[in-house]
Amino acid sequence: MATATDRTRWDSSEFTHNLADRVWTASSVVRRYLHRLASGNDDADWWTTVASRHVGDFDPLLVLGCGSGGIELLAVERGVASRVLACDLSLPTLEAAERSRRARNLGGVHYFQCNLDRPQFPVRTVRLAIAHDCLHHVQELELLFQSLHRLLQPNGTLAFCEYTGPNRFQYPDEQLVVINRYLAEIPRHLRVHPDNGEVVEKITRTDSASLIREDPSEAVRSEDVVAAVLERFTRVVLKPYNGGLLNPLLQNIIVNFHSEEGRALLEYLCEQERLLTESGELAPNFTLFEGRPK
């Protein structure tokens, strides 16, 4: 597990910039599909849905794993919170977030470095804690949720949108069969990998040894996140956010889907994932959660 002084790939602006363009959610078609799962509304994402349930109940707000600036800036811009604390492990990422804050001329946001495996939060100081795609990097989940339990004020809320699929992305055989069945339906020109120009012929399990060398924290205990949070928090919302097909299928090649043809195919794939997940043929790999301290 990386420490506050170790450099990881998350400190590389090249890595984080490319990542934003290549993840499965890089398309507005996919995002609208996910918004419908979260709220039933194409235009209301999971975070907006959380905010609608806690109007006037945010100050102060804590954002975990804020990255280079996102939820915390939107919260201030939309008037959801006037005081926001936002943390990340990577100093270069925090510096980028601070630049974004200044460029948008926003006050009320305080950034600080934090290793979520060794959290040191004050007691009973926050009304709402939000995490987005960072908990699957945490080894010491029990310690983190214990710390968040102490941090939240009475009747406070923890909310997250998180990858909760197989550790180290070691997808089971039956999931890979489904993924590759749909890969074969994608025209070859839409399967070209942006790094090497080669057509993606088959999706296989990530090599865990290589993944650990690149980022020891990546999906280290992702499949334990839900069980660990329920030890300390009573669920208010716990719902699948799917991703069992689209996340592994569209990684990197999503850059090829900006044409009318590509967008139409994405609409089809989103609907197929929804049906497969609802039928139980495909397990969801992401989870939406809201809960209160026990």
C-alpha atoms as a PDB file:
ATOM      1  CA  MET A   1       0.000   0.000   0.000  1.00  0.00           C
ATOM      2  CA  ALA A   2       1.348   3.395  -0.940  1.00  0.00           C
ATOM      3  CA  THR A   3       2.235   5.834   1.814  1.00  0.00           C
ATOM      4  CA  ALA A   4       1.894   9.603   1.761  1.00  0.00           C
ATOM      5  CA  THR A   5       5.484   9.925   0.566  1.00  0.00           C
ATOM      6  CA  ASP A   6       5.479   7.178  -2.093  1.00  0.00           C
ATOM      7  CA  ARG A   7       4.936   8.183  -5.709  1.00  0.00           C
ATOM      8  CA  THR A   8       2.333   6.190  -7.603  1.00  0.00           C
ATOM      9  CA  ARG A   9       0.869   6.330 -11.088  1.00  0.00           C
ATOM     10  CA  TRP A  10      -1.793   8.647  -9.629  1.00  0.00           C
ATOM     11  CA  ASP A  11       0.926  11.295  -9.293  1.00  0.00           C
ATOM     12  CA  SER A  12       1.419  11.237 -13.079  1.00  0.00           C
ATOM     13  CA  SER A  13      -0.593  13.890 -14.914  1.00  0.00           C
ATOM     14  CA  GLU A  14      -0.220  11.871 -18.132  1.00  0.00           C
ATOM     15  CA  PHE A  15      -1.818   8.814 -16.510  1.00  0.00           C
ATOM     16  CA  THR A  16      -4.697  10.697 -14.925  1.00  0.00           C
ATOM     17  CA  HIS A  17      -5.366  12.747 -18.082  1.00  0.00           C
ATOM     18  CA  ASN A  18      -5.522   9.649 -20.290  1.00  0.00           C
ATOM     19  CA  LEU A  19      -7.638   7.825 -17.727  1.00  0.00           C
ATOM     20  CA  ALA A  20     -10.397  10.421 -17.864  1.00  0.00           C
ATOM     21  CA  ASP A  21     -10.757   9.882 -21.621  1.00  0.00           C
ATOM     22  CA  ARG A  22     -10.604   6.083 -21.528  1.00  0.00           C
ATOM     23  CA  VAL A  23     -12.801   4.901 -18.686  1.00  0.00           C
ATOM     24  CA  TRP A  24     -16.220   3.445 -19.460  1.00  0.00           C
ATOM     25  CA  THR A  25     -17.967   6.568 -18.181  1.00  0.00           C
ATOM     26  CA  ALA A  26     -16.182   8.850 -20.667  1.00  0.00           C
ATOM     27  CA  SER A  27     -19.259   8.805 -22.925  1.00  0.00           C
ATOM     28  CA  SER A  28     -22.367  10.861 -22.203  1.00  0.00           C
ATOM     29  CA  VAL A  29     -24.430   7.895 -23.416  1.00  0.00           C
ATOM     30  CA  VAL A  30     -23.052   5.720 -20.618  1.00  0.00           C
ATOM     31  CA  ARG A  31     -23.373   8.511 -18.074  1.00  0.00           C
ATOM     32  CA  ARG A  32     -27.056   9.022 -18.885  1.00  0.00           C
ATOM     33  CA  TYR A  33     -27.619   5.286 -18.462  1.00  0.00           C
ATOM     34  CA  LEU A  34     -25.950   5.404 -15.052  1.00  0.00           C
ATOM     35  CA  HIS A  35     -27.948   8.478 -14.087  1.00  0.00           C
ATOM     36  CA  ARG A  36     -31.136   6.525 -14.791  1.00  0.00           C
ATOM     37  CA  LEU A  37     -29.922   3.727 -12.534  1.00  0.00           C
ATOM     38  CA  ALA A  38     -29.172   6.200  -9.744  1.00  0.00           C
ATOM     39  CA  SER A  39     -32.199   8.455  -9.976  1.00  0.00           C
ATOM     40  CA  GLY A  40     -34.529   7.435 -12.796  1.00  0.00           C
ATOM     41  CA  ASN A  41     -33.574  10.712 -14.494  1.00  0.00           C
ATOM     42  CA  ASP A  42     -31.112  11.010 -17.398  1.00  0.00           C
ATOM     43  CA  ASP A  43     -29.872  14.350 -16.057  1.00  0.00           C
ATOM     44  CA  ALA A  44     -29.517  13.579 -12.331  1.00  0.00           C
ATOM     45  CA  ASP A  45     -26.318  11.767 -11.405  1.00  0.00           C
ATOM     46  CA  TRP A  46     -25.801   9.824  -8.188  1.00  0.00           C
ATOM     47  CA  TRP A  47     -24.278  12.805  -6.393  1.00  0.00           C
ATOM     48  CA  THR A  48     -27.172  15.109  -7.323  1.00  0.00           C
ATOM     49  CA  THR A  49     -29.537  12.437  -6.055  1.00  0.00           C
ATOM     50  CA  VAL A  50     -27.726  12.315  -2.707  1.00  0.00           C
ATOM     51  CA  ALA A  51     -27.814  16.115  -2.500  1.00  0.00           C
ATOM     52  CA  SER A  52     -31.558  16.199  -3.098  1.00  0.00           C
ATOM     53  CA  ARG A  53     -32.089  14.057  -0.001  1.00  0.00           C
ATOM     54  CA  HIS A  54     -29.944  16.239   2.232  1.00  0.00           C
ATOM     55  CA  VAL A  55     -30.822  19.820   1.264  1.00  0.00           C
ATOM     56  CA  GLY A  56     -29.354  22.266   3.773  1.00  0.00           C
ATOM     57  CA  ASP A  57     -27.748  19.419   5.680  1.00  0.00           C
ATOM     58  CA  PHE A  58     -24.200  19.500   4.364  1.00  0.00           C
ATOM     59  CA  ASP A  59     -21.960  21.939   6.232  1.00  0.00           C
ATOM     60  CA  PRO A  60     -19.312  20.835   6.577  1.00  0.00           C
ATOM     61  CA  LEU A  61     -18.999  18.272   3.790  1.00  0.00           C
ATOM     62  CA  LEU A  62     -16.065  15.853   3.467  1.00  0.00           C
ATOM     63  CA  VAL A  63     -15.052  14.462   0.069  1.00  0.00           C
ATOM     64  CA  LEU A  64     -12.764  11.422   0.173  1.00  0.00           C
ATOM     65  CA  GLY A  65     -10.417  10.745  -2.738  1.00  0.00           C
ATOM     66  CA  CYS A  66     -11.277  14.032  -4.413  1.00  0.00           C
ATOM     67  CA  GLY A  67      -8.796  13.652  -7.268  1.00  0.00           C
ATOM     68  CA  SER A  68      -8.049  16.756  -9.283  1.00  0.00           C
ATOM     69  CA  GLY A  69     -11.325  18.451  -8.398  1.00  0.00           C
ATOM     70  CA  GLY A  70     -14.898  17.296  -8.789  1.00  0.00           C
ATOM     71  CA  ILE A  71     -17.696  16.830  -6.284  1.00  0.00           C
ATOM     72  CA  GLU A  72     -16.352  19.387  -3.817  1.00  0.00           C
ATOM     73  CA  LEU A  73     -16.277  22.118  -6.464  1.00  0.00           C
ATOM     74  CA  LEU A  74     -19.751  21.262  -7.722  1.00  0.00           C
ATOM     75  CA  ALA A  75     -21.073  21.319  -4.156  1.00  0.00           C
ATOM     76  CA  VAL A  76     -19.888  24.889  -3.671  1.00  0.00           C
ATOM     77  CA  GLU A  77     -20.951  26.037  -7.146  1.00  0.00           C
ATOM     78  CA  ARG A  78     -24.461  24.677  -6.649  1.00  0.00           C
ATOM     79  CA  GLY A  79     -24.786  26.139  -3.172  1.00  0.00           C
ATOM     80  CA  VAL A  80     -25.119  22.702  -1.620  1.00  0.00           C
ATOM     81  CA  ALA A  81     -22.370  23.401   0.913  1.00  0.00           C
ATOM     82  CA  SER A  82     -20.448  26.500   1.912  1.00  0.00           C
ATOM     83  CA  ARG A  83     -17.672  24.606   3.707  1.00  0.00           C
ATOM     84  CA  VAL A  84     -16.027  21.569   2.156  1.00  0.00           C
ATOM     85  CA  LEU A  85     -13.047  19.468   3.188  1.00  0.00           C
ATOM     86  CA  ALA A  86     -11.530  17.388   0.386  1.00  0.00           C
ATOM     87  CA  CYS A  87      -8.677  14.908   0.642  1.00  0.00           C
ATOM     88  CA  ASP A  88      -6.517  12.716  -1.549  1.00  0.00           C
ATOM     89  CA  LEU A  89      -3.279  10.767  -1.157  1.00  0.00           C
ATOM     90  CA  SER A  90      -1.542  12.330  -4.165  1.00  0.00           C
ATOM     91  CA  LEU A  91      -0.021  15.783  -3.649  1.00  0.00           C
ATOM     92  CA  PRO A  92       0.217  16.543  -7.405  1.00  0.00           C
ATOM     93  CA  THR A  93      -3.463  15.677  -7.700  1.00  0.00           C
ATOM     94  CA  LEU A  94      -4.344  17.970  -4.801  1.00  0.00           C
ATOM     95  CA  GLU A  95      -2.320  20.763  -6.395  1.00  0.00           C
ATOM     96  CA  ALA A  96      -4.311  20.288  -9.609  1.00  0.00           C
ATOM     97  CA  ALA A  97      -7.555  20.429  -7.619  1.00  0.00           C
ATOM     98  CA  GLU A  98      -6.467  23.671  -5.970  1.00  0.00           C
ATOM     99  CA  ARG A  99      -5.696  25.163  -9.389  1.00  0.00           C
ATOM    100  CA  SER A 100      -9.186  24.181 -10.545  1.00  0.00           C
ATOM    101  CA  ARG A 101     -10.696  25.830  -7.478  1.00  0.00           C
ATOM    102  CA  ARG A 102      -8.818  29.063  -8.133  1.00  0.00           C
ATOM    103  CA  ALA A 103      -9.692  29.042 -11.831  1.00  0.00           C
ATOM    104  CA  ARG A 104     -13.371  28.792 -10.894  1.00  0.00           C
ATOM    105  CA  ASN A 105     -12.957  31.473  -8.213  1.00  0.00           C
ATOM    106  CA  LEU A 106     -14.522  29.339  -5.501  1.00  0.00           C
ATOM    107  CA  GLY A 107     -14.049  29.734  -1.773  1.00  0.00           C
ATOM    108  CA  GLY A 108     -14.907  27.478   1.113  1.00  0.00           C
ATOM    109  CA  VAL A 109     -12.882  24.457  -0.039  1.00  0.00           C
ATOM    110  CA  HIS A 110      -9.934  23.184   1.991  1.00  0.00           C
ATOM    111  CA  TYR A 111      -7.728  20.467   0.491  1.00  0.00           C
ATOM    112  CA  PHE A 112      -5.541  18.190   2.579  1.00  0.00           C
ATOM    113  CA  GLN A 113      -3.455  15.077   2.059  1.00  0.00           C
ATOM    114  CA  CYS A 114      -4.768  11.887   3.637  1.00  0.00           C
ATOM    115  CA  ASN A 115      -3.899   8.207   3.430  1.00  0.00           C
ATOM    116  CA  LEU A 116      -7.238   6.438   3.818  1.00  0.00           C
ATOM    117  CA  ASP A 117      -5.452   3.372   5.188  1.00  0.00           C
ATOM    118  CA  ARG A 118      -4.324   5.478   8.147  1.00  0.00           C
ATOM    119  CA  PRO A 119      -7.036   8.127   8.527  1.00  0.00           C
ATOM    120  CA  GLN A 120      -6.829  10.702  11.285  1.00  0.00           C
ATOM    121  CA  PHE A 121     -10.167  12.479  11.238  1.00  0.00           C
ATOM    122  CA  PRO A 122     -11.522  14.674  14.052  1.00  0.00           C
ATOM    123  CA  VAL A 123     -14.552  13.462  15.996  1.00  0.00           C
ATOM    124  CA  ARG A 124     -18.170  14.468  15.229  1.00  0.00           C
ATOM    125  CA  THR A 125     -17.299  17.308  12.865  1.00  0.00           C
ATOM    126  CA  VAL A 126     -18.933  16.392   9.526  1.00  0.00           C
ATOM    127  CA  ARG A 127     -22.575  16.030   8.465  1.00  0.00           C
ATOM    128  CA  LEU A 128     -21.915  14.182   5.220  1.00  0.00           C
ATOM    129  CA  ALA A 129     -18.933  12.216   3.881  1.00  0.00           C
ATOM    130  CA  ILE A 130     -18.813  11.384   0.174  1.00  0.00           C
ATOM    131  CA  ALA A 131     -16.525   8.917  -1.624  1.00  0.00           C
ATOM    132  CA  HIS A 132     -16.369   8.276  -5.355  1.00  0.00           C
ATOM    133  CA  ASP A 133     -14.235   5.457  -6.782  1.00  0.00           C
ATOM    134  CA  CYS A 134     -11.602   5.572  -4.047  1.00  0.00           C
ATOM    135  CA  LEU A 135     -12.644   2.964  -1.469  1.00  0.00           C
ATOM    136  CA  HIS A 136     -11.514   0.076  -3.669  1.00  0.00           C
ATOM    137  CA  HIS A 137      -7.967   1.392  -3.112  1.00  0.00           C
ATOM    138  CA  VAL A 138      -8.215   0.918   0.660  1.00  0.00           C
ATOM    139  CA  GLN A 139      -6.644  -2.087   2.373  1.00  0.00           C
ATOM    140  CA  GLU A 140      -7.698  -1.140   5.903  1.00  0.00           C
ATOM    141  CA  LEU A 141     -11.419  -0.844   5.225  1.00  0.00           C
ATOM    142  CA  GLU A 142     -12.459  -1.634   8.784  1.00  0.00           C
ATOM    143  CA  LEU A 143     -10.200   1.089  10.171  1.00  0.00           C
ATOM    144  CA  LEU A 144     -11.463   3.628   7.645  1.00  0.00           C
ATOM    145  CA  PHE A 145     -15.137   2.962   8.340  1.00  0.00           C
ATOM    146  CA  GLN A 146     -14.461   3.053  12.080  1.00  0.00           C
ATOM    147  CA  SER A 147     -12.837   6.473  11.617  1.00  0.00           C
ATOM    148  CA  LEU A 148     -15.728   7.725   9.486  1.00  0.00           C
ATOM    149  CA  HIS A 149     -18.166   6.437  12.092  1.00  0.00           C
ATOM    150  CA  ARG A 150     -16.440   8.619  14.699  1.00  0.00           C
ATOM    151  CA  LEU A 151     -16.132  11.567  12.315  1.00  0.00           C
ATOM    152  CA  LEU A 152     -19.803  11.944  11.447  1.00  0.00           C
ATOM    153  CA  GLN A 153     -22.129  14.037  13.563  1.00  0.00           C
ATOM    154  CA  PRO A 154     -25.294  12.454  14.996  1.00  0.00           C
ATOM    155  CA  ASN A 155     -27.599  11.511  12.108  1.00  0.00           C
ATOM    156  CA  GLY A 156     -24.727  12.118   9.687  1.00  0.00           C
ATOM    157  CA  THR A 157     -24.498  10.253   6.390  1.00  0.00           C
ATOM    158  CA  LEU A 158     -21.827   8.365   4.477  1.00  0.00           C
ATOM    159  CA  ALA A 159     -22.497   8.049   0.747  1.00  0.00           C
ATOM    160  CA  PHE A 160     -20.416   6.435  -1.962  1.00  0.00           C
ATOM    161  CA  CYS A 161     -20.357   5.273  -5.565  1.00  0.00           C
ATOM    162  CA  GLU A 162     -17.787   2.519  -5.764  1.00  0.00           C
ATOM    163  CA  TYR A 163     -16.246  -0.369  -7.677  1.00  0.00           C
ATOM    164  CA  THR A 164     -17.138  -3.428  -5.599  1.00  0.00           C
ATOM    165  CA  GLY A 165     -16.347  -6.146  -8.122  1.00  0.00           C
ATOM    166  CA  PRO A 166     -13.653  -8.831  -7.958  1.00  0.00           C
ATOM    167  CA  ASN A 167     -10.374  -7.967  -6.249  1.00  0.00           C
ATOM    168  CA  ARG A 168      -7.621  -6.969  -8.704  1.00  0.00           C
ATOM    169  CA  PHE A 169     -10.220  -7.182 -11.530  1.00  0.00           C
ATOM    170  CA  GLN A 170      -9.974 -10.974 -11.541  1.00  0.00           C
ATOM    171  CA  TYR A 171     -13.279 -11.477 -13.320  1.00  0.00           C
ATOM    172  CA  PRO A 172     -14.732 -15.010 -13.152  1.00  0.00           C
ATOM    173  CA  ASP A 173     -14.887 -17.170 -16.274  1.00  0.00           C
ATOM    174  CA  GLU A 174     -18.639 -16.765 -16.708  1.00  0.00           C
ATOM    175  CA  GLN A 175     -18.330 -12.969 -16.707  1.00  0.00           C
ATOM    176  CA  LEU A 176     -15.517 -13.053 -19.262  1.00  0.00           C
ATOM    177  CA  VAL A 177     -17.643 -15.260 -21.525  1.00  0.00           C
ATOM    178  CA  VAL A 178     -20.394 -12.626 -21.523  1.00  0.00           C
ATOM    179  CA  ILE A 179     -17.937  -9.759 -22.033  1.00  0.00           C
ATOM    180  CA  ASN A 180     -16.277 -11.423 -25.019  1.00  0.00           C
ATOM    181  CA  ARG A 181     -19.627 -12.364 -26.519  1.00  0.00           C
ATOM    182  CA  TYR A 182     -20.448  -8.672 -26.765  1.00  0.00           C
ATOM    183  CA  LEU A 183     -16.922  -7.719 -27.803  1.00  0.00           C
ATOM    184  CA  ALA A 184     -17.415  -9.904 -30.882  1.00  0.00           C
ATOM    185  CA  GLU A 185     -20.482  -7.836 -31.801  1.00  0.00           C
ATOM    186  CA  ILE A 186     -18.488  -4.599 -31.916  1.00  0.00           C
ATOM    187  CA  PRO A 187     -17.151  -3.737 -35.398  1.00  0.00           C
ATOM    188  CA  ARG A 188     -13.384  -4.067 -35.657  1.00  0.00           C
ATOM    189  CA  HIS A 189     -12.779  -0.375 -36.327  1.00  0.00           C
ATOM    190  CA  LEU A 190     -14.393   0.432 -32.974  1.00  0.00           C
ATOM    191  CA  ARG A 191     -12.162  -2.069 -31.159  1.00  0.00           C
ATOM    192  CA  VAL A 192      -8.857  -0.386 -32.015  1.00  0.00           C
ATOM    193  CA  HIS A 193      -6.718   0.200 -28.927  1.00  0.00           C
ATOM    194  CA  PRO A 194      -5.587   3.859 -28.812  1.00  0.00           C
ATOM    195  CA  ASP A 195      -2.079   3.002 -27.591  1.00  0.00           C
ATOM    196  CA  ASN A 196      -0.940   0.535 -30.249  1.00  0.00           C
ATOM    197  CA  GLY A 197      -3.520   0.706 -33.035  1.00  0.00           C
ATOM    198  CA  GLU A 198      -4.248  -3.012 -32.732  1.00  0.00           C
ATOM    199  CA  VAL A 199      -7.737  -4.480 -32.714  1.00  0.00           C
ATOM    200  CA  VAL A 200      -8.795  -5.848 -29.326  1.00  0.00           C
ATOM    201  CA  GLU A 201      -9.665  -9.471 -30.098  1.00  0.00           C
ATOM    202  CA  LYS A 202     -10.284 -10.785 -26.594  1.00  0.00           C
ATOM    203  CA  ILE A 203     -10.614  -9.448 -23.074  1.00  0.00           C
ATOM    204  CA  THR A 204      -8.783 -11.445 -20.428  1.00  0.00           C
ATOM    205  CA  ARG A 205      -8.152 -11.104 -16.725  1.00  0.00           C
ATOM    206  CA  THR A 206      -5.761  -8.396 -15.675  1.00  0.00           C
ATOM    207  CA  ASP A 207      -2.323  -9.763 -14.792  1.00  0.00           C
ATOM    208  CA  SER A 208      -2.463  -9.232 -11.048  1.00  0.00           C
ATOM    209  CA  ALA A 209       1.321  -9.220 -10.584  1.00  0.00           C
ATOM    210  CA  SER A 210       1.732  -6.414 -13.133  1.00  0.00           C
ATOM    211  CA  LEU A 211      -1.179  -4.510 -11.629  1.00  0.00           C
ATOM    212  CA  ILE A 212       0.340  -4.719  -8.154  1.00  0.00           C
ATOM    213  CA  ARG A 213       3.666  -3.421  -9.471  1.00  0.00           C
ATOM    214  CA  GLU A 214       1.919  -0.449 -11.095  1.00  0.00           C
ATOM    215  CA  ASP A 215      -0.413   0.283  -8.177  1.00  0.00           C
ATOM    216  CA  PRO A 216      -0.454  -1.960  -5.076  1.00  0.00           C
ATOM    217  CA  SER A 217      -3.712  -0.359  -3.970  1.00  0.00           C
ATOM    218  CA  GLU A 218      -5.726  -1.043  -7.126  1.00  0.00           C
ATOM    219  CA  ALA A 219      -8.878  -3.030  -6.251  1.00  0.00           C
ATOM    220  CA  VAL A 220      -6.995  -4.461  -3.275  1.00  0.00           C
ATOM    221  CA  ARG A 221     -10.173  -5.386  -1.352  1.00  0.00           C
ATOM    222  CA  SER A 222     -12.918  -4.129  -3.613  1.00  0.00           C
ATOM    223  CA  GLU A 223     -15.202  -7.097  -3.045  1.00  0.00           C
ATOM    224  CA  ASP A 224     -15.117  -6.493   0.736  1.00  0.00           C
ATOM    225  CA  VAL A 225     -16.263  -2.847   0.673  1.00  0.00           C
ATOM    226  CA  VAL A 226     -19.986  -3.465   1.191  1.00  0.00           C
ATOM    227  CA  ALA A 227     -19.570  -6.027   3.980  1.00  0.00           C
ATOM    228  CA  ALA A 228     -17.092  -3.765   5.773  1.00  0.00           C
ATOM    229  CA  VAL A 229     -19.281  -0.651   5.637  1.00  0.00           C
ATOM    230  CA  LEU A 230     -22.314  -2.554   6.933  1.00  0.00           C
ATOM    231  CA  GLU A 231     -20.391  -3.442  10.089  1.00  0.00           C
ATOM    232  CA  ARG A 232     -20.470   0.240  11.095  1.00  0.00           C
ATOM    233  CA  PHE A 233     -23.322   1.795   9.121  1.00  0.00           C
ATOM    234  CA  THR A 234     -27.012   1.089   8.708  1.00  0.00           C
ATOM    235  CA  ARG A 235     -27.942   1.219   5.062  1.00  0.00           C
ATOM    236  CA  VAL A 236     -30.436   3.749   3.794  1.00  0.00           C
ATOM    237  CA  VAL A 237     -29.652   3.117   0.125  1.00  0.00           C
ATOM    238  CA  LEU A 238     -27.824   0.077  -1.233  1.00  0.00           C
ATOM    239  CA  LYS A 239     -28.333  -0.533  -4.920  1.00  0.00           C
ATOM    240  CA  PRO A 240     -26.405  -1.989  -7.865  1.00  0.00           C
ATOM    241  CA  TYR A 241     -24.742   0.450 -10.238  1.00  0.00           C
ATOM    242  CA  ASN A 242     -24.040  -2.292 -12.769  1.00  0.00           C
ATOM    243  CA  GLY A 243     -20.789  -2.053 -14.797  1.00  0.00           C
ATOM    244  CA  GLY A 244     -20.231  -5.811 -15.016  1.00  0.00           C
ATOM    245  CA  LEU A 245     -20.212  -5.645 -18.811  1.00  0.00           C
ATOM    246  CA  LEU A 246     -19.459  -2.064 -19.780  1.00  0.00           C
ATOM    247  CA  ASN A 247     -16.533  -1.349 -17.450  1.00  0.00           C
ATOM    248  CA  PRO A 248     -14.201  -4.107 -18.739  1.00  0.00           C
ATOM    249  CA  LEU A 249     -15.620  -4.056 -22.271  1.00  0.00           C
ATOM    250  CA  LEU A 250     -15.195  -0.347 -22.982  1.00  0.00           C
ATOM    251  CA  GLN A 251     -11.922   0.377 -21.173  1.00  0.00           C
ATOM    252  CA  ASN A 252      -9.631   2.265 -23.609  1.00  0.00           C
ATOM    253  CA  ILE A 253     -11.734   1.579 -26.731  1.00  0.00           C
ATOM    254  CA  ILE A 254     -14.414   4.007 -25.511  1.00  0.00           C
ATOM    255  CA  VAL A 255     -12.431   6.694 -27.380  1.00  0.00           C
ATOM    256  CA  ASN A 256     -13.715   5.188 -30.651  1.00  0.00           C
ATOM    257  CA  PHE A 257     -17.422   5.577 -29.854  1.00  0.00           C
ATOM    258  CA  HIS A 258     -18.003   9.286 -30.482  1.00  0.00           C
ATOM    259  CA  SER A 259     -19.600   8.820 -33.910  1.00  0.00           C
ATOM    260  CA  GLU A 260     -23.322   8.337 -34.482  1.00  0.00           C
ATOM    261  CA  GLU A 261     -22.624   4.655 -35.084  1.00  0.00           C
ATOM    262  CA  GLY A 262     -20.653   4.380 -31.863  1.00  0.00           C
ATOM    263  CA  ARG A 263     -23.248   6.166 -29.766  1.00  0.00           C
ATOM    264  CA  ALA A 264     -26.035   3.960 -31.115  1.00  0.00           C
ATOM    265  CA  LEU A 265     -23.994   0.877 -30.248  1.00  0.00           C
ATOM    266  CA  LEU A 266     -23.421   2.210 -26.733  1.00  0.00           C
ATOM    267  CA  GLU A 267     -27.174   2.629 -26.268  1.00  0.00           C
ATOM    268  CA  TYR A 268     -27.585  -1.027 -27.227  1.00  0.00           C
ATOM    269  CA  LEU A 269     -24.788  -2.189 -24.905  1.00  0.00           C
ATOM    270  CA  CYS A 270     -26.183  -0.207 -21.974  1.00  0.00           C
ATOM    271  CA  GLU A 271     -29.564  -1.841 -22.421  1.00  0.00           C
ATOM    272  CA  GLN A 272     -27.970  -5.280 -22.710  1.00  0.00           C
ATOM    273  CA  GLU A 273     -26.047  -4.754 -19.480  1.00  0.00           C
ATOM    274  CA  ARG A 274     -29.221  -3.653 -17.703  1.00  0.00           C
ATOM    275  CA  LEU A 275     -31.105  -6.746 -18.846  1.00  0.00           C
ATOM    276  CA  LEU A 276     -28.239  -9.114 -18.024  1.00  0.00           C
ATOM    277  CA  THR A 277     -27.877  -7.636 -14.549  1.00  0.00           C
ATOM    278  CA  GLU A 278     -31.592  -7.680 -13.800  1.00  0.00           C
ATOM    279  CA  SER A 279     -31.840 -11.316 -14.911  1.00  0.00           C
ATOM    280  CA  GLY A 280     -28.937 -12.321 -12.665  1.00  0.00           C
ATOM    281  CA  GLU A 281     -26.770 -13.537 -15.544  1.00  0.00           C
ATOM    282  CA  LEU A 282     -24.260 -10.775 -14.801  1.00  0.00           C
ATOM    283  CA  ALA A 283     -23.272  -9.510 -11.361  1.00  0.00           C
ATOM    284  CA  PRO A 284     -23.029  -5.732 -10.866  1.00  0.00           C
ATOM    285  CA  ASN A 285     -19.476  -4.514 -10.308  1.00  0.00           C
ATOM    286  CA  PHE A 286     -20.389  -1.114  -8.838  1.00  0.00           C
ATOM    287  CA  THR A 287     -22.537  -0.115  -5.858  1.00  0.00           C
ATOM    288  CA  LEU A 288     -24.346   2.998  -4.643  1.00  0.00           C
ATOM    289  CA  PHE A 289     -24.573   3.348  -0.870  1.00  0.00           C
ATOM    290  CA  GLU A 290     -25.957   5.754   1.688  1.00  0.00           C
ATOM    291  CA  GLY A 291     -25.890   4.920   5.361  1.00  0.00           C
ATOM    292  CA  ARG A 292     -25.960   6.287   8.889  1.00  0.00           C
ATOM    293  CA  PRO A 293     -23.707   5.335  11.787  1.00  0.00           C
ATOM    294  CA  LYS A 294     -25.014   2.446  13.895  1.00  0.00           C
END
